[in-house]
Amino acid sequence: MSTLVRPRSGRLIAGVCLGIARRFDVDPQPVRILTVLGLLFFGLSFWIYLWLWILMPAER
């Protein structure tokens, strides 16, 4: 497993979902889909995403 960082390449918005997918060695598409579904149905994922965007360091 790698460290939890927001990659510079391959990201769509801020790289949070891609960073999580790389950290757990999974495909980023399901992570992105679950994030969008969580946003649409629960609304909480927006705040989690924003919090992670702020706290996750960017890849150097």
PDB file of N, CA and C in Angstrom:
ATOM      1  N   MET A   1       0.833  -1.189   0.000  1.00  0.00           N
ATOM      2  CA  MET A   1       0.000   0.000   0.000  1.00  0.00           C
ATOM      3  C   MET A   1       0.875   1.249   0.000  1.00  0.00           C
ATOM      4  N   SER A   2       0.435   2.232  -0.729  1.00  0.00           N
ATOM      5  CA  SER A   2       1.160   3.499  -0.769  1.00  0.00           C
ATOM      6  C   SER A   2       0.577   4.452   0.265  1.00  0.00           C
ATOM      7  N   THR A   3       1.163   5.617   0.355  1.00  0.00           N
ATOM      8  CA  THR A   3       0.654   6.614   1.294  1.00  0.00           C
ATOM      9  C   THR A   3      -0.554   7.324   0.687  1.00  0.00           C
ATOM     10  N   LEU A   4      -1.302   7.976   1.519  1.00  0.00           N
ATOM     11  CA  LEU A   4      -2.514   8.663   1.090  1.00  0.00           C
ATOM     12  C   LEU A   4      -2.162  10.076   0.645  1.00  0.00           C
ATOM     13  N   VAL A   5      -2.061  10.274  -0.682  1.00  0.00           N
ATOM     14  CA  VAL A   5      -1.768  11.588  -1.253  1.00  0.00           C
ATOM     15  C   VAL A   5      -2.679  11.818  -2.460  1.00  0.00           C
ATOM     16  N   ARG A   6      -2.861  13.085  -2.816  1.00  0.00           N
ATOM     17  CA  ARG A   6      -3.617  13.435  -4.016  1.00  0.00           C
ATOM     18  C   ARG A   6      -2.648  13.504  -5.188  1.00  0.00           C
ATOM     19  N   PRO A   7      -2.748  12.565  -6.150  1.00  0.00           N
ATOM     20  CA  PRO A   7      -1.813  12.562  -7.277  1.00  0.00           C
ATOM     21  C   PRO A   7      -2.000  13.777  -8.187  1.00  0.00           C
ATOM     22  N   ARG A   8      -0.947  14.147  -8.867  1.00  0.00           N
ATOM     23  CA  ARG A   8      -1.003  15.294  -9.778  1.00  0.00           C
ATOM     24  C   ARG A   8      -1.602  14.916 -11.130  1.00  0.00           C
ATOM     25  N   SER A   9      -1.368  13.699 -11.586  1.00  0.00           N
ATOM     26  CA  SER A   9      -1.888  13.298 -12.899  1.00  0.00           C
ATOM     27  C   SER A   9      -2.986  12.261 -12.733  1.00  0.00           C
ATOM     28  N   GLY A  10      -3.976  12.343 -13.605  1.00  0.00           N
ATOM     29  CA  GLY A  10      -5.070  11.380 -13.602  1.00  0.00           C
ATOM     30  C   GLY A  10      -6.265  11.774 -12.764  1.00  0.00           C
ATOM     31  N   ARG A  11      -6.188  12.911 -12.116  1.00  0.00           N
ATOM     32  CA  ARG A  11      -7.319  13.307 -11.277  1.00  0.00           C
ATOM     33  C   ARG A  11      -8.382  14.022 -12.097  1.00  0.00           C
ATOM     34  N   LEU A  12      -9.618  13.962 -11.600  1.00  0.00           N
ATOM     35  CA  LEU A  12     -10.712  14.638 -12.288  1.00  0.00           C
ATOM     36  C   LEU A  12     -11.002  16.001 -11.663  1.00  0.00           C
ATOM     37  N   ILE A  13     -11.111  16.049 -10.350  1.00  0.00           N
ATOM     38  CA  ILE A  13     -11.359  17.336  -9.691  1.00  0.00           C
ATOM     39  C   ILE A  13     -10.166  17.682  -8.813  1.00  0.00           C
ATOM     40  N   ALA A  14     -10.040  17.008  -7.684  1.00  0.00           N
ATOM     41  CA  ALA A  14      -8.935  17.315  -6.775  1.00  0.00           C
ATOM     42  C   ALA A  14      -8.024  16.121  -6.551  1.00  0.00           C
ATOM     43  N   GLY A  15      -8.409  14.950  -7.014  1.00  0.00           N
ATOM     44  CA  GLY A  15      -7.578  13.765  -6.855  1.00  0.00           C
ATOM     45  C   GLY A  15      -7.843  12.972  -5.602  1.00  0.00           C
ATOM     46  N   VAL A  16      -8.881  13.322  -4.859  1.00  0.00           N
ATOM     47  CA  VAL A  16      -9.182  12.629  -3.612  1.00  0.00           C
ATOM     48  C   VAL A  16      -9.560  11.175  -3.878  1.00  0.00           C
ATOM     49  N   CYS A  17     -10.471  10.938  -4.801  1.00  0.00           N
ATOM     50  CA  CYS A  17     -10.910   9.563  -5.096  1.00  0.00           C
ATOM     51  C   CYS A  17      -9.770   8.730  -5.672  1.00  0.00           C
ATOM     52  N   LEU A  18      -8.976   9.325  -6.537  1.00  0.00           N
ATOM     53  CA  LEU A  18      -7.840   8.607  -7.111  1.00  0.00           C
ATOM     54  C   LEU A  18      -6.813   8.293  -6.033  1.00  0.00           C
ATOM     55  N   GLY A  19      -6.580   9.201  -5.114  1.00  0.00           N
ATOM     56  CA  GLY A  19      -5.650   8.963  -4.014  1.00  0.00           C
ATOM     57  C   GLY A  19      -6.122   7.830  -3.114  1.00  0.00           C
ATOM     58  N   ILE A  20      -7.424   7.795  -2.825  1.00  0.00           N
ATOM     59  CA  ILE A  20      -7.981   6.713  -2.011  1.00  0.00           C
ATOM     60  C   ILE A  20      -7.869   5.389  -2.751  1.00  0.00           C
ATOM     61  N   ALA A  21      -8.175   5.390  -4.041  1.00  0.00           N
ATOM     62  CA  ALA A  21      -8.090   4.162  -4.832  1.00  0.00           C
ATOM     63  C   ALA A  21      -6.661   3.642  -4.896  1.00  0.00           C
ATOM     64  N   ARG A  22      -5.704   4.520  -5.092  1.00  0.00           N
ATOM     65  CA  ARG A  22      -4.297   4.085  -5.135  1.00  0.00           C
ATOM     66  C   ARG A  22      -3.838   3.580  -3.771  1.00  0.00           C
ATOM     67  N   ARG A  23      -4.299   4.217  -2.713  1.00  0.00           N
ATOM     68  CA  ARG A  23      -3.910   3.810  -1.358  1.00  0.00           C
ATOM     69  C   ARG A  23      -4.347   2.380  -1.072  1.00  0.00           C
ATOM     70  N   PHE A  24      -5.555   2.014  -1.510  1.00  0.00           N
ATOM     71  CA  PHE A  24      -6.088   0.681  -1.245  1.00  0.00           C
ATOM     72  C   PHE A  24      -5.954  -0.254  -2.442  1.00  0.00           C
ATOM     73  N   ASP A  25      -5.232   0.189  -3.475  1.00  0.00           N
ATOM     74  CA  ASP A  25      -4.933  -0.619  -4.657  1.00  0.00           C
ATOM     75  C   ASP A  25      -6.202  -1.166  -5.317  1.00  0.00           C
ATOM     76  N   VAL A  26      -7.151  -0.269  -5.586  1.00  0.00           N
ATOM     77  CA  VAL A  26      -8.393  -0.621  -6.280  1.00  0.00           C
ATOM     78  C   VAL A  26      -8.572   0.320  -7.469  1.00  0.00           C
ATOM     79  N   ASP A  27      -9.502  -0.027  -8.350  1.00  0.00           N
ATOM     80  CA  ASP A  27      -9.820   0.804  -9.504  1.00  0.00           C
ATOM     81  C   ASP A  27     -10.489   2.103  -9.028  1.00  0.00           C
ATOM     82  N   PRO A  28     -10.121   3.260  -9.568  1.00  0.00           N
ATOM     83  CA  PRO A  28     -10.706   4.520  -9.102  1.00  0.00           C
ATOM     84  C   PRO A  28     -12.172   4.729  -9.500  1.00  0.00           C
ATOM     85  N   GLN A  29     -12.626   4.092 -10.561  1.00  0.00           N
ATOM     86  CA  GLN A  29     -14.005   4.313 -11.009  1.00  0.00           C
ATOM     87  C   GLN A  29     -15.049   3.970  -9.945  1.00  0.00           C
ATOM     88  N   PRO A  30     -14.990   2.801  -9.289  1.00  0.00           N
ATOM     89  CA  PRO A  30     -15.983   2.531  -8.236  1.00  0.00           C
ATOM     90  C   PRO A  30     -15.912   3.522  -7.076  1.00  0.00           C
ATOM     91  N   VAL A  31     -14.720   3.983  -6.748  1.00  0.00           N
ATOM     92  CA  VAL A  31     -14.582   4.974  -5.676  1.00  0.00           C
ATOM     93  C   VAL A  31     -15.279   6.264  -6.088  1.00  0.00           C
ATOM     94  N   ARG A  32     -15.086   6.679  -7.329  1.00  0.00           N
ATOM     95  CA  ARG A  32     -15.739   7.897  -7.830  1.00  0.00           C
ATOM     96  C   ARG A  32     -17.252   7.735  -7.880  1.00  0.00           C
ATOM     97  N   ILE A  33     -17.720   6.576  -8.327  1.00  0.00           N
ATOM     98  CA  ILE A  33     -19.162   6.322  -8.412  1.00  0.00           C
ATOM     99  C   ILE A  33     -19.781   6.327  -7.026  1.00  0.00           C
ATOM    100  N   LEU A  34     -19.136   5.674  -6.066  1.00  0.00           N
ATOM    101  CA  LEU A  34     -19.659   5.666  -4.694  1.00  0.00           C
ATOM    102  C   LEU A  34     -19.678   7.065  -4.098  1.00  0.00           C
ATOM    103  N   THR A  35     -18.691   7.879  -4.430  1.00  0.00           N
ATOM    104  CA  THR A  35     -18.662   9.252  -3.937  1.00  0.00           C
ATOM    105  C   THR A  35     -19.833  10.057  -4.503  1.00  0.00           C
ATOM    106  N   VAL A  36     -20.079   9.928  -5.791  1.00  0.00           N
ATOM    107  CA  VAL A  36     -21.190  10.655  -6.423  1.00  0.00           C
ATOM    108  C   VAL A  36     -22.526  10.157  -5.882  1.00  0.00           C
ATOM    109  N   LEU A  37     -22.678   8.836  -5.754  1.00  0.00           N
ATOM    110  CA  LEU A  37     -23.924   8.298  -5.200  1.00  0.00           C
ATOM    111  C   LEU A  37     -24.129   8.774  -3.769  1.00  0.00           C
ATOM    112  N   GLY A  38     -23.063   8.795  -2.983  1.00  0.00           N
ATOM    113  CA  GLY A  38     -23.163   9.305  -1.618  1.00  0.00           C
ATOM    114  C   GLY A  38     -23.559  10.764  -1.590  1.00  0.00           C
ATOM    115  N   LEU A  39     -23.063  11.525  -2.540  1.00  0.00           N
ATOM    116  CA  LEU A  39     -23.417  12.939  -2.631  1.00  0.00           C
ATOM    117  C   LEU A  39     -24.895  13.107  -2.991  1.00  0.00           C
ATOM    118  N   LEU A  40     -25.361  12.316  -3.954  1.00  0.00           N
ATOM    119  CA  LEU A  40     -26.746  12.434  -4.403  1.00  0.00           C
ATOM    120  C   LEU A  40     -27.757  11.980  -3.361  1.00  0.00           C
ATOM    121  N   PHE A  41     -27.435  10.903  -2.646  1.00  0.00           N
ATOM    122  CA  PHE A  41     -28.419  10.313  -1.745  1.00  0.00           C
ATOM    123  C   PHE A  41     -28.257  10.712  -0.292  1.00  0.00           C
ATOM    124  N   PHE A  42     -27.059  11.081   0.123  1.00  0.00           N
ATOM    125  CA  PHE A  42     -26.856  11.372   1.538  1.00  0.00           C
ATOM    126  C   PHE A  42     -26.333  12.779   1.801  1.00  0.00           C
ATOM    127  N   GLY A  43     -25.572  13.337   0.874  1.00  0.00           N
ATOM    128  CA  GLY A  43     -25.050  14.682   1.038  1.00  0.00           C
ATOM    129  C   GLY A  43     -23.825  14.778   1.924  1.00  0.00           C
ATOM    130  N   LEU A  44     -23.582  13.782   2.735  1.00  0.00           N
ATOM    131  CA  LEU A  44     -22.449  13.805   3.655  1.00  0.00           C
ATOM    132  C   LEU A  44     -21.124  13.666   2.921  1.00  0.00           C
ATOM    133  N   SER A  45     -21.124  12.983   1.794  1.00  0.00           N
ATOM    134  CA  SER A  45     -19.856  12.763   1.091  1.00  0.00           C
ATOM    135  C   SER A  45     -19.251  14.082   0.600  1.00  0.00           C
ATOM    136  N   PHE A  46     -20.053  15.101   0.386  1.00  0.00           N
ATOM    137  CA  PHE A  46     -19.514  16.408  -0.003  1.00  0.00           C
ATOM    138  C   PHE A  46     -18.586  16.943   1.072  1.00  0.00           C
ATOM    139  N   TRP A  47     -19.014  16.881   2.318  1.00  0.00           N
ATOM    140  CA  TRP A  47     -18.201  17.396   3.418  1.00  0.00           C
ATOM    141  C   TRP A  47     -16.972  16.527   3.654  1.00  0.00           C
ATOM    142  N   ILE A  48     -17.124  15.228   3.505  1.00  0.00           N
ATOM    143  CA  ILE A  48     -15.984  14.322   3.641  1.00  0.00           C
ATOM    144  C   ILE A  48     -14.975  14.597   2.533  1.00  0.00           C
ATOM    145  N   TYR A  49     -15.469  14.733   1.295  1.00  0.00           N
ATOM    146  CA  TYR A  49     -14.593  15.027   0.159  1.00  0.00           C
ATOM    147  C   TYR A  49     -13.864  16.343   0.370  1.00  0.00           C
ATOM    148  N   LEU A  50     -14.573  17.357   0.786  1.00  0.00           N
ATOM    149  CA  LEU A  50     -13.971  18.672   1.030  1.00  0.00           C
ATOM    150  C   LEU A  50     -12.921  18.590   2.140  1.00  0.00           C
ATOM    151  N   TRP A  51     -13.229  17.882   3.193  1.00  0.00           N
ATOM    152  CA  TRP A  51     -12.306  17.714   4.311  1.00  0.00           C
ATOM    153  C   TRP A  51     -11.036  16.993   3.844  1.00  0.00           C
ATOM    154  N   LEU A  52     -11.215  15.913   3.062  1.00  0.00           N
ATOM    155  CA  LEU A  52     -10.050  15.181   2.554  1.00  0.00           C
ATOM    156  C   LEU A  52      -9.246  16.034   1.573  1.00  0.00           C
ATOM    157  N   TRP A  53      -9.920  16.830   0.759  1.00  0.00           N
ATOM    158  CA  TRP A  53      -9.239  17.716  -0.179  1.00  0.00           C
ATOM    159  C   TRP A  53      -8.293  18.670   0.566  1.00  0.00           C
ATOM    160  N   ILE A  54      -8.750  19.147   1.685  1.00  0.00           N
ATOM    161  CA  ILE A  54      -7.957  20.085   2.483  1.00  0.00           C
ATOM    162  C   ILE A  54      -6.819  19.369   3.222  1.00  0.00           C
ATOM    163  N   LEU A  55      -7.106  18.192   3.765  1.00  0.00           N
ATOM    164  CA  LEU A  55      -6.129  17.515   4.616  1.00  0.00           C
ATOM    165  C   LEU A  55      -5.141  16.607   3.887  1.00  0.00           C
ATOM    166  N   MET A  56      -5.545  16.046   2.745  1.00  0.00           N
ATOM    167  CA  MET A  56      -4.640  15.141   2.019  1.00  0.00           C
ATOM    168  C   MET A  56      -3.548  15.960   1.340  1.00  0.00           C
ATOM    169  N   PRO A  57      -2.303  15.603   1.556  1.00  0.00           N
ATOM    170  CA  PRO A  57      -1.227  16.335   0.881  1.00  0.00           C
ATOM    171  C   PRO A  57      -1.194  16.011  -0.607  1.00  0.00           C
ATOM    172  N   ALA A  58      -0.785  16.982  -1.389  1.00  0.00           N
ATOM    173  CA  ALA A  58      -0.629  16.770  -2.832  1.00  0.00           C
ATOM    174  C   ALA A  58       0.675  16.014  -3.086  1.00  0.00           C
ATOM    175  N   GLU A  59       0.673  15.208  -4.131  1.00  0.00           N
ATOM    176  CA  GLU A  59       1.857  14.455  -4.501  1.00  0.00           C
ATOM    177  C   GLU A  59       2.949  15.423  -4.949  1.00  0.00           C
ATOM    178  N   ARG A  60       4.175  15.150  -4.606  1.00  0.00           N
ATOM    179  CA  ARG A  60       5.284  16.034  -4.979  1.00  0.00           C
ATOM    180  C   ARG A  60       5.905  15.640  -6.264  1.00  0.00           C
TER     181      ARG A  60
END
